[in-house]
Amino acid sequence: LGSNEAATRYSGVDTRRALVKVYILSGVLASVAGVVMMARF
């Protein structure tokens, strides 16, 4: 996706679904950081 999203889409990959997964994973990792900050302070 980062190298060439259009080529990835034409190769048969559901790029939209993959992007949703990317940002869900980013959000969950941010939440774990929120747990760590909350617990530290």
PDB file of all heavy atoms in Angstrom:
ATOM      1  N   LEU A   1       0.832  -1.210   0.000  1.00  0.00           N
ATOM      2  CA  LEU A   1       0.000   0.000   0.000  1.00  0.00           C
ATOM      3  C   LEU A   1       0.861   1.253   0.000  1.00  0.00           C
ATOM      4  O   LEU A   1       0.588   2.206  -0.739  1.00  0.00           O
ATOM      5  CB  LEU A   1      -0.904   0.016   1.238  1.00  0.00           C
ATOM      6  CG  LEU A   1      -2.200  -0.778   1.202  1.00  0.00           C
ATOM      7  CD1 LEU A   1      -2.842  -0.798   2.585  1.00  0.00           C
ATOM      8  CD2 LEU A   1      -3.158  -0.186   0.189  1.00  0.00           C
ATOM      9  N   GLY A   2       1.900   1.253   0.830  1.00  0.00           N
ATOM     10  CA  GLY A   2       2.769   2.417   0.890  1.00  0.00           C
ATOM     11  C   GLY A   2       3.601   2.604  -0.356  1.00  0.00           C
ATOM     12  O   GLY A   2       3.923   3.736  -0.738  1.00  0.00           O
ATOM     13  N   SER A   3       3.970   1.491  -1.003  1.00  0.00           N
ATOM     14  CA  SER A   3       4.792   1.588  -2.202  1.00  0.00           C
ATOM     15  C   SER A   3       3.980   2.070  -3.395  1.00  0.00           C
ATOM     16  O   SER A   3       4.403   2.956  -4.138  1.00  0.00           O
ATOM     17  CB  SER A   3       5.432   0.230  -2.521  1.00  0.00           C
ATOM     18  OG  SER A   3       6.249  -0.196  -1.452  1.00  0.00           O
ATOM     19  N   ASN A   4       2.792   1.476  -3.583  1.00  0.00           N
ATOM     20  CA  ASN A   4       1.954   1.858  -4.730  1.00  0.00           C
ATOM     21  C   ASN A   4       0.546   1.330  -4.483  1.00  0.00           C
ATOM     22  O   ASN A   4       0.261   0.157  -4.734  1.00  0.00           O
ATOM     23  CB  ASN A   4       2.527   1.290  -6.031  1.00  0.00           C
ATOM     24  CG  ASN A   4       1.868   1.905  -7.256  1.00  0.00           C
ATOM     25  OD1 ASN A   4       0.665   2.134  -7.282  1.00  0.00           O
ATOM     26  ND2 ASN A   4       2.657   2.158  -8.287  1.00  0.00           N
ATOM     27  N   GLU A   5      -0.327   2.203  -3.998  1.00  0.00           N
ATOM     28  CA  GLU A   5      -1.680   1.772  -3.658  1.00  0.00           C
ATOM     29  C   GLU A   5      -2.468   1.331  -4.890  1.00  0.00           C
ATOM     30  O   GLU A   5      -3.198   0.345  -4.851  1.00  0.00           O
ATOM     31  CB  GLU A   5      -2.434   2.896  -2.945  1.00  0.00           C
ATOM     32  CG  GLU A   5      -3.817   2.465  -2.476  1.00  0.00           C
ATOM     33  CD  GLU A   5      -4.560   3.566  -1.739  1.00  0.00           C
ATOM     34  OE1 GLU A   5      -3.916   4.556  -1.348  1.00  0.00           O
ATOM     35  OE2 GLU A   5      -5.789   3.414  -1.542  1.00  0.00           O
ATOM     36  N   ALA A   6      -2.317   2.060  -5.998  1.00  0.00           N
ATOM     37  CA  ALA A   6      -3.059   1.717  -7.215  1.00  0.00           C
ATOM     38  C   ALA A   6      -2.655   0.335  -7.727  1.00  0.00           C
ATOM     39  O   ALA A   6      -3.518  -0.491  -8.078  1.00  0.00           O
ATOM     40  CB  ALA A   6      -2.820   2.771  -8.282  1.00  0.00           C
ATOM     41  N   ALA A   7      -1.356   0.064  -7.772  1.00  0.00           N
ATOM     42  CA  ALA A   7      -0.885  -1.245  -8.233  1.00  0.00           C
ATOM     43  C   ALA A   7      -1.359  -2.348  -7.300  1.00  0.00           C
ATOM     44  O   ALA A   7      -1.700  -3.456  -7.743  1.00  0.00           O
ATOM     45  CB  ALA A   7       0.635  -1.247  -8.332  1.00  0.00           C
ATOM     46  N   THR A   8      -1.391  -2.068  -6.000  1.00  0.00           N
ATOM     47  CA  THR A   8      -1.874  -3.048  -5.030  1.00  0.00           C
ATOM     48  C   THR A   8      -3.346  -3.358  -5.269  1.00  0.00           C
ATOM     49  O   THR A   8      -3.769  -4.515  -5.209  1.00  0.00           O
ATOM     50  CB  THR A   8      -1.682  -2.509  -3.592  1.00  0.00           C
ATOM     51  OG1 THR A   8      -0.312  -2.161  -3.397  1.00  0.00           O
ATOM     52  CG2 THR A   8      -2.085  -3.549  -2.571  1.00  0.00           C
ATOM     53  N   ARG A   9      -4.132  -2.331  -5.555  1.00  0.00           N
ATOM     54  CA  ARG A   9      -5.559  -2.526  -5.825  1.00  0.00           C
ATOM     55  C   ARG A   9      -5.766  -3.337  -7.104  1.00  0.00           C
ATOM     56  O   ARG A   9      -6.608  -4.240  -7.145  1.00  0.00           O
ATOM     57  CB  ARG A   9      -6.253  -1.165  -5.931  1.00  0.00           C
ATOM     58  CG  ARG A   9      -7.762  -1.265  -6.120  1.00  0.00           C
ATOM     59  CD  ARG A   9      -8.450   0.072  -5.941  1.00  0.00           C
ATOM     60  NE  ARG A   9      -7.964   1.070  -6.888  1.00  0.00           N
ATOM     61  CZ  ARG A   9      -7.181   2.099  -6.573  1.00  0.00           C
ATOM     62  NH1 ARG A   9      -6.789   2.262  -5.314  1.00  0.00           N
ATOM     63  NH2 ARG A   9      -6.788   2.968  -7.486  1.00  0.00           N
ATOM     64  N   TYR A  10      -4.991  -3.044  -8.147  1.00  0.00           N
ATOM     65  CA  TYR A  10      -5.122  -3.760  -9.410  1.00  0.00           C
ATOM     66  C   TYR A  10      -4.643  -5.204  -9.314  1.00  0.00           C
ATOM     67  O   TYR A  10      -5.014  -6.043 -10.145  1.00  0.00           O
ATOM     68  CB  TYR A  10      -4.348  -3.041 -10.517  1.00  0.00           C
ATOM     69  CG  TYR A  10      -4.942  -1.699 -10.894  1.00  0.00           C
ATOM     70  CD1 TYR A  10      -4.132  -0.610 -11.163  1.00  0.00           C
ATOM     71  CD2 TYR A  10      -6.330  -1.531 -10.968  1.00  0.00           C
ATOM     72  CE1 TYR A  10      -4.673   0.631 -11.502  1.00  0.00           C
ATOM     73  CE2 TYR A  10      -6.886  -0.304 -11.298  1.00  0.00           C
ATOM     74  CZ  TYR A  10      -6.049   0.769 -11.563  1.00  0.00           C
ATOM     75  OH  TYR A  10      -6.589   1.991 -11.893  1.00  0.00           O
ATOM     76  N   SER A  11      -3.840  -5.503  -8.297  1.00  0.00           N
ATOM     77  CA  SER A  11      -3.368  -6.874  -8.117  1.00  0.00           C
ATOM     78  C   SER A  11      -4.399  -7.747  -7.404  1.00  0.00           C
ATOM     79  O   SER A  11      -4.158  -8.926  -7.167  1.00  0.00           O
ATOM     80  CB  SER A  11      -2.056  -6.882  -7.333  1.00  0.00           C
ATOM     81  OG  SER A  11      -2.271  -6.453  -5.993  1.00  0.00           O
ATOM     82  N   GLY A  12      -5.537  -7.161  -7.053  1.00  0.00           N
ATOM     83  CA  GLY A  12      -6.627  -7.932  -6.457  1.00  0.00           C
ATOM     84  C   GLY A  12      -6.779  -7.773  -4.965  1.00  0.00           C
ATOM     85  O   GLY A  12      -7.631  -8.432  -4.357  1.00  0.00           O
ATOM     86  N   VAL A  13      -5.999  -6.910  -4.354  1.00  0.00           N
ATOM     87  CA  VAL A  13      -6.085  -6.685  -2.916  1.00  0.00           C
ATOM     88  C   VAL A  13      -7.186  -5.670  -2.612  1.00  0.00           C
ATOM     89  O   VAL A  13      -7.305  -4.646  -3.304  1.00  0.00           O
ATOM     90  CB  VAL A  13      -4.738  -6.175  -2.362  1.00  0.00           C
ATOM     91  CG1 VAL A  13      -4.864  -5.818  -0.883  1.00  0.00           C
ATOM     92  CG2 VAL A  13      -3.649  -7.207  -2.569  1.00  0.00           C
ATOM     93  N   ASP A  14      -8.005  -5.958  -1.614  1.00  0.00           N
ATOM     94  CA  ASP A  14      -9.036  -5.015  -1.183  1.00  0.00           C
ATOM     95  C   ASP A  14      -8.352  -3.927  -0.342  1.00  0.00           C
ATOM     96  O   ASP A  14      -8.238  -4.028   0.884  1.00  0.00           O
ATOM     97  CB  ASP A  14     -10.102  -5.733  -0.356  1.00  0.00           C
ATOM     98  CG  ASP A  14     -11.310  -4.852  -0.056  1.00  0.00           C
ATOM     99  OD1 ASP A  14     -11.201  -3.618  -0.212  1.00  0.00           O
ATOM    100  OD2 ASP A  14     -12.355  -5.393   0.352  1.00  0.00           O
ATOM    101  N   THR A  15      -7.871  -2.891  -1.018  1.00  0.00           N
ATOM    102  CA  THR A  15      -7.074  -1.859  -0.347  1.00  0.00           C
ATOM    103  C   THR A  15      -7.895  -1.067   0.659  1.00  0.00           C
ATOM    104  O   THR A  15      -7.370  -0.627   1.688  1.00  0.00           O
ATOM    105  CB  THR A  15      -6.460  -0.899  -1.372  1.00  0.00           C
ATOM    106  OG1 THR A  15      -7.508  -0.345  -2.197  1.00  0.00           O
ATOM    107  CG2 THR A  15      -5.466  -1.622  -2.272  1.00  0.00           C
ATOM    108  N   ARG A  16      -9.180  -0.878   0.396  1.00  0.00           N
ATOM    109  CA  ARG A  16     -10.006  -0.112   1.325  1.00  0.00           C
ATOM    110  C   ARG A  16     -10.176  -0.853   2.650  1.00  0.00           C
ATOM    111  O   ARG A  16     -10.071  -0.255   3.729  1.00  0.00           O
ATOM    112  CB  ARG A  16     -11.365   0.193   0.688  1.00  0.00           C
ATOM    113  CG  ARG A  16     -11.273   1.135  -0.516  1.00  0.00           C
ATOM    114  CD  ARG A  16     -12.619   1.544  -1.045  1.00  0.00           C
ATOM    115  NE  ARG A  16     -13.346   0.394  -1.595  1.00  0.00           N
ATOM    116  CZ  ARG A  16     -14.510   0.490  -2.241  1.00  0.00           C
ATOM    117  NH1 ARG A  16     -15.083   1.684  -2.406  1.00  0.00           N
ATOM    118  NH2 ARG A  16     -15.106  -0.578  -2.709  1.00  0.00           N
ATOM    119  N   ARG A  17     -10.407  -2.137   2.552  1.00  0.00           N
ATOM    120  CA  ARG A  17     -10.535  -2.933   3.770  1.00  0.00           C
ATOM    121  C   ARG A  17      -9.206  -2.945   4.539  1.00  0.00           C
ATOM    122  O   ARG A  17      -9.190  -2.863   5.776  1.00  0.00           O
ATOM    123  CB  ARG A  17     -10.939  -4.355   3.402  1.00  0.00           C
ATOM    124  CG  ARG A  17     -11.249  -5.245   4.597  1.00  0.00           C
ATOM    125  CD  ARG A  17     -11.753  -6.590   4.120  1.00  0.00           C
ATOM    126  NE  ARG A  17     -12.047  -7.479   5.234  1.00  0.00           N
ATOM    127  CZ  ARG A  17     -12.503  -8.725   5.096  1.00  0.00           C
ATOM    128  NH1 ARG A  17     -12.725  -9.203   3.881  1.00  0.00           N
ATOM    129  NH2 ARG A  17     -12.746  -9.465   6.148  1.00  0.00           N
ATOM    130  N   ALA A  18      -8.103  -3.043   3.803  1.00  0.00           N
ATOM    131  CA  ALA A  18      -6.785  -3.048   4.448  1.00  0.00           C
ATOM    132  C   ALA A  18      -6.528  -1.726   5.168  1.00  0.00           C
ATOM    133  O   ALA A  18      -5.973  -1.706   6.277  1.00  0.00           O
ATOM    134  CB  ALA A  18      -5.698  -3.307   3.404  1.00  0.00           C
ATOM    135  N   LEU A  19      -6.924  -0.605   4.549  1.00  0.00           N
ATOM    136  CA  LEU A  19      -6.715   0.697   5.182  1.00  0.00           C
ATOM    137  C   LEU A  19      -7.527   0.831   6.470  1.00  0.00           C
ATOM    138  O   LEU A  19      -7.057   1.422   7.449  1.00  0.00           O
ATOM    139  CB  LEU A  19      -7.084   1.815   4.208  1.00  0.00           C
ATOM    140  CG  LEU A  19      -6.043   2.175   3.145  1.00  0.00           C
ATOM    141  CD1 LEU A  19      -6.604   3.170   2.155  1.00  0.00           C
ATOM    142  CD2 LEU A  19      -4.778   2.735   3.802  1.00  0.00           C
ATOM    143  N   VAL A  20      -8.729   0.304   6.472  1.00  0.00           N
ATOM    144  CA  VAL A  20      -9.541   0.341   7.701  1.00  0.00           C
ATOM    145  C   VAL A  20      -8.830  -0.426   8.808  1.00  0.00           C
ATOM    146  O   VAL A  20      -8.760   0.029   9.962  1.00  0.00           O
ATOM    147  CB  VAL A  20     -10.946  -0.232   7.442  1.00  0.00           C
ATOM    148  CG1 VAL A  20     -11.729  -0.332   8.753  1.00  0.00           C
ATOM    149  CG2 VAL A  20     -11.714   0.646   6.452  1.00  0.00           C
ATOM    150  N   LYS A  21      -8.261  -1.580   8.472  1.00  0.00           N
ATOM    151  CA  LYS A  21      -7.522  -2.371   9.462  1.00  0.00           C
ATOM    152  C   LYS A  21      -6.312  -1.599   9.978  1.00  0.00           C
ATOM    153  O   LYS A  21      -5.981  -1.663  11.165  1.00  0.00           O
ATOM    154  CB  LYS A  21      -7.072  -3.695   8.847  1.00  0.00           C
ATOM    155  CG  LYS A  21      -8.186  -4.682   8.573  1.00  0.00           C
ATOM    156  CD  LYS A  21      -7.623  -5.963   7.985  1.00  0.00           C
ATOM    157  CE  LYS A  21      -8.716  -6.983   7.696  1.00  0.00           C
ATOM    158  NZ  LYS A  21      -8.164  -8.228   7.085  1.00  0.00           N
ATOM    159  N   VAL A  22      -5.640  -0.873   9.092  1.00  0.00           N
ATOM    160  CA  VAL A  22      -4.464  -0.089   9.468  1.00  0.00           C
ATOM    161  C   VAL A  22      -4.812   0.906  10.570  1.00  0.00           C
ATOM    162  O   VAL A  22      -4.122   0.998  11.600  1.00  0.00           O
ATOM    163  CB  VAL A  22      -3.888   0.655   8.243  1.00  0.00           C
ATOM    164  CG1 VAL A  22      -2.940   1.780   8.679  1.00  0.00           C
ATOM    165  CG2 VAL A  22      -3.161  -0.314   7.326  1.00  0.00           C
ATOM    166  N   TYR A  23      -5.899   1.633  10.390  1.00  0.00           N
ATOM    167  CA  TYR A  23      -6.237   2.686  11.356  1.00  0.00           C
ATOM    168  C   TYR A  23      -6.894   2.127  12.614  1.00  0.00           C
ATOM    169  O   TYR A  23      -6.793   2.735  13.684  1.00  0.00           O
ATOM    170  CB  TYR A  23      -7.096   3.759  10.674  1.00  0.00           C
ATOM    171  CG  TYR A  23      -6.249   4.601   9.756  1.00  0.00           C
ATOM    172  CD1 TYR A  23      -6.120   4.278   8.411  1.00  0.00           C
ATOM    173  CD2 TYR A  23      -5.535   5.690  10.239  1.00  0.00           C
ATOM    174  CE1 TYR A  23      -5.306   5.020   7.572  1.00  0.00           C
ATOM    175  CE2 TYR A  23      -4.723   6.437   9.407  1.00  0.00           C
ATOM    176  CZ  TYR A  23      -4.604   6.100   8.081  1.00  0.00           C
ATOM    177  OH  TYR A  23      -3.785   6.837   7.251  1.00  0.00           O
ATOM    178  N   ILE A  24      -7.559   0.973  12.503  1.00  0.00           N
ATOM    179  CA  ILE A  24      -8.048   0.312  13.719  1.00  0.00           C
ATOM    180  C   ILE A  24      -6.872  -0.120  14.580  1.00  0.00           C
ATOM    181  O   ILE A  24      -6.852   0.103  15.809  1.00  0.00           O
ATOM    182  CB  ILE A  24      -8.929  -0.905  13.375  1.00  0.00           C
ATOM    183  CG1 ILE A  24     -10.264  -0.446  12.782  1.00  0.00           C
ATOM    184  CG2 ILE A  24      -9.175  -1.762  14.616  1.00  0.00           C
ATOM    185  CD1 ILE A  24     -11.154  -1.585  12.310  1.00  0.00           C
ATOM    186  N   LEU A  25      -5.854  -0.723  13.959  1.00  0.00           N
ATOM    187  CA  LEU A  25      -4.666  -1.149  14.696  1.00  0.00           C
ATOM    188  C   LEU A  25      -3.948   0.044  15.317  1.00  0.00           C
ATOM    189  O   LEU A  25      -3.504  -0.012  16.477  1.00  0.00           O
ATOM    190  CB  LEU A  25      -3.720  -1.907  13.766  1.00  0.00           C
ATOM    191  CG  LEU A  25      -2.419  -2.426  14.373  1.00  0.00           C
ATOM    192  CD1 LEU A  25      -2.696  -3.333  15.571  1.00  0.00           C
ATOM    193  CD2 LEU A  25      -1.599  -3.184  13.324  1.00  0.00           C
ATOM    194  N   SER A  26      -3.863   1.144  14.578  1.00  0.00           N
ATOM    195  CA  SER A  26      -3.237   2.355  15.104  1.00  0.00           C
ATOM    196  C   SER A  26      -3.993   2.868  16.329  1.00  0.00           C
ATOM    197  O   SER A  26      -3.395   3.245  17.344  1.00  0.00           O
ATOM    198  CB  SER A  26      -3.191   3.437  14.023  1.00  0.00           C
ATOM    199  OG  SER A  26      -2.639   4.636  14.523  1.00  0.00           O
ATOM    200  N   GLY A  27      -5.318   2.857  16.256  1.00  0.00           N
ATOM    201  CA  GLY A  27      -6.132   3.316  17.381  1.00  0.00           C
ATOM    202  C   GLY A  27      -5.977   2.436  18.613  1.00  0.00           C
ATOM    203  O   GLY A  27      -5.877   2.938  19.743  1.00  0.00           O
ATOM    204  N   VAL A  28      -5.945   1.112  18.414  1.00  0.00           N
ATOM    205  CA  VAL A  28      -5.804   0.190  19.550  1.00  0.00           C
ATOM    206  C   VAL A  28      -4.449   0.369  20.225  1.00  0.00           C
ATOM    207  O   VAL A  28      -4.341   0.379  21.462  1.00  0.00           O
ATOM    208  CB  VAL A  28      -6.001  -1.266  19.076  1.00  0.00           C
ATOM    209  CG1 VAL A  28      -5.628  -2.249  20.186  1.00  0.00           C
ATOM    210  CG2 VAL A  28      -7.446  -1.491  18.645  1.00  0.00           C
ATOM    211  N   LEU A  29      -3.381   0.520  19.423  1.00  0.00           N
ATOM    212  CA  LEU A  29      -2.056   0.758  19.993  1.00  0.00           C
ATOM    213  C   LEU A  29      -2.027   2.072  20.778  1.00  0.00           C
ATOM    214  O   LEU A  29      -1.422   2.151  21.855  1.00  0.00           O
ATOM    215  CB  LEU A  29      -0.997   0.772  18.886  1.00  0.00           C
ATOM    216  CG  LEU A  29      -0.650  -0.587  18.272  1.00  0.00           C
ATOM    217  CD1 LEU A  29       0.207  -0.411  17.026  1.00  0.00           C
ATOM    218  CD2 LEU A  29       0.068  -1.475  19.285  1.00  0.00           C
ATOM    219  N   ALA A  30      -2.691   3.096  20.244  1.00  0.00           N
ATOM    220  CA  ALA A  30      -2.771   4.370  20.966  1.00  0.00           C
ATOM    221  C   ALA A  30      -3.490   4.188  22.294  1.00  0.00           C
ATOM    222  O   ALA A  30      -3.121   4.800  23.310  1.00  0.00           O
ATOM    223  CB  ALA A  30      -3.486   5.416  20.109  1.00  0.00           C
ATOM    224  N   SER A  31      -4.508   3.339  22.313  1.00  0.00           N
ATOM    225  CA  SER A  31      -5.245   3.090  23.555  1.00  0.00           C
ATOM    226  C   SER A  31      -4.358   2.413  24.598  1.00  0.00           C
ATOM    227  O   SER A  31      -4.446   2.733  25.787  1.00  0.00           O
ATOM    228  CB  SER A  31      -6.468   2.214  23.265  1.00  0.00           C
ATOM    229  OG  SER A  31      -7.179   1.938  24.446  1.00  0.00           O
ATOM    230  N   VAL A  32      -3.508   1.484  24.163  1.00  0.00           N
ATOM    231  CA  VAL A  32      -2.579   0.841  25.103  1.00  0.00           C
ATOM    232  C   VAL A  32      -1.632   1.890  25.692  1.00  0.00           C
ATOM    233  O   VAL A  32      -1.327   1.867  26.892  1.00  0.00           O
ATOM    234  CB  VAL A  32      -1.782  -0.273  24.403  1.00  0.00           C
ATOM    235  CG1 VAL A  32      -0.764  -0.883  25.374  1.00  0.00           C
ATOM    236  CG2 VAL A  32      -2.706  -1.353  23.871  1.00  0.00           C
ATOM    237  N   ALA A  33      -1.183   2.825  24.843  1.00  0.00           N
ATOM    238  CA  ALA A  33      -0.359   3.925  25.353  1.00  0.00           C
ATOM    239  C   ALA A  33      -1.140   4.755  26.368  1.00  0.00           C
ATOM    240  O   ALA A  33      -0.578   5.241  27.359  1.00  0.00           O
ATOM    241  CB  ALA A  33       0.118   4.806  24.202  1.00  0.00           C
ATOM    242  N   GLY A  34      -2.434   4.922  26.124  1.00  0.00           N
ATOM    243  CA  GLY A  34      -3.284   5.635  27.076  1.00  0.00           C
ATOM    244  C   GLY A  34      -3.342   4.921  28.422  1.00  0.00           C
ATOM    245  O   GLY A  34      -3.317   5.563  29.481  1.00  0.00           O
ATOM    246  N   VAL A  35      -3.409   3.592  28.410  1.00  0.00           N
ATOM    247  CA  VAL A  35      -3.385   2.809  29.648  1.00  0.00           C
ATOM    248  C   VAL A  35      -2.083   3.061  30.411  1.00  0.00           C
ATOM    249  O   VAL A  35      -2.071   3.277  31.628  1.00  0.00           O
ATOM    250  CB  VAL A  35      -3.531   1.300  29.349  1.00  0.00           C
ATOM    251  CG1 VAL A  35      -3.361   0.486  30.629  1.00  0.00           C
ATOM    252  CG2 VAL A  35      -4.879   1.004  28.709  1.00  0.00           C
ATOM    253  N   VAL A  36      -0.960   3.038  29.661  1.00  0.00           N
ATOM    254  CA  VAL A  36       0.358   3.214  30.289  1.00  0.00           C
ATOM    255  C   VAL A  36       0.473   4.605  30.918  1.00  0.00           C
ATOM    256  O   VAL A  36       0.920   4.748  32.069  1.00  0.00           O
ATOM    257  CB  VAL A  36       1.475   2.997  29.246  1.00  0.00           C
ATOM    258  CG1 VAL A  36       2.831   3.430  29.804  1.00  0.00           C
ATOM    259  CG2 VAL A  36       1.522   1.529  28.829  1.00  0.00           C
ATOM    260  N   MET A  37       0.054   5.651  30.179  1.00  0.00           N
ATOM    261  CA  MET A  37       0.142   7.012  30.723  1.00  0.00           C
ATOM    262  C   MET A  37      -0.764   7.182  31.932  1.00  0.00           C
ATOM    263  O   MET A  37      -0.383   7.763  32.945  1.00  0.00           O
ATOM    264  CB  MET A  37      -0.210   8.034  29.629  1.00  0.00           C
ATOM    265  CG  MET A  37       0.844   8.185  28.551  1.00  0.00           C
ATOM    266  SD  MET A  37       0.577   9.610  27.463  1.00  0.00           S
ATOM    267  CE  MET A  37      -0.894   9.093  26.575  1.00  0.00           C
ATOM    268  N   MET A  38      -1.988   6.667  31.832  1.00  0.00           N
ATOM    269  CA  MET A  38      -2.933   6.763  32.932  1.00  0.00           C
ATOM    270  C   MET A  38      -2.397   6.062  34.177  1.00  0.00           C
ATOM    271  O   MET A  38      -2.490   6.582  35.301  1.00  0.00           O
ATOM    272  CB  MET A  38      -4.261   6.120  32.504  1.00  0.00           C
ATOM    273  CG  MET A  38      -5.322   6.058  33.578  1.00  0.00           C
ATOM    274  SD  MET A  38      -6.789   5.135  33.029  1.00  0.00           S
ATOM    275  CE  MET A  38      -6.151   3.463  33.066  1.00  0.00           C
ATOM    276  N   ALA A  39      -1.805   4.885  33.977  1.00  0.00           N
ATOM    277  CA  ALA A  39      -1.279   4.124  35.105  1.00  0.00           C
ATOM    278  C   ALA A  39      -0.041   4.789  35.708  1.00  0.00           C
ATOM    279  O   ALA A  39       0.134   4.787  36.928  1.00  0.00           O
ATOM    280  CB  ALA A  39      -0.942   2.700  34.651  1.00  0.00           C
ATOM    281  N   ARG A  40       0.822   5.359  34.862  1.00  0.00           N
ATOM    282  CA  ARG A  40       2.036   6.008  35.373  1.00  0.00           C
ATOM    283  C   ARG A  40       1.712   7.226  36.221  1.00  0.00           C
ATOM    284  O   ARG A  40       2.292   7.454  37.272  1.00  0.00           O
ATOM    285  CB  ARG A  40       2.928   6.447  34.197  1.00  0.00           C
ATOM    286  CG  ARG A  40       3.885   5.375  33.699  1.00  0.00           C
ATOM    287  CD  ARG A  40       4.993   5.984  32.900  1.00  0.00           C
ATOM    288  NE  ARG A  40       5.884   6.753  33.755  1.00  0.00           N
ATOM    289  CZ  ARG A  40       6.464   7.884  33.413  1.00  0.00           C
ATOM    290  NH1 ARG A  40       6.225   8.429  32.233  1.00  0.00           N
ATOM    291  NH2 ARG A  40       7.274   8.502  34.239  1.00  0.00           N
ATOM    292  N   PHE A  41       0.753   8.035  35.750  1.00  0.00           N
ATOM    293  CA  PHE A  41       0.427   9.279  36.452  1.00  0.00           C
ATOM    294  C   PHE A  41      -0.670   9.095  37.497  1.00  0.00           C
ATOM    295  O   PHE A  41      -0.965  10.025  38.243  1.00  0.00           O
ATOM    296  CB  PHE A  41      -0.006  10.347  35.445  1.00  0.00           C
ATOM    297  CG  PHE A  41       1.004  10.621  34.362  1.00  0.00           C
ATOM    298  CD1 PHE A  41       0.603  10.806  33.052  1.00  0.00           C
ATOM    299  CD2 PHE A  41       2.359  10.689  34.647  1.00  0.00           C
ATOM    300  CE1 PHE A  41       1.530  11.053  32.052  1.00  0.00           C
ATOM    301  CE2 PHE A  41       3.290  10.947  33.661  1.00  0.00           C
ATOM    302  CZ  PHE A  41       2.875  11.121  32.357  1.00  0.00           C
TER     303      PHE A  41
END
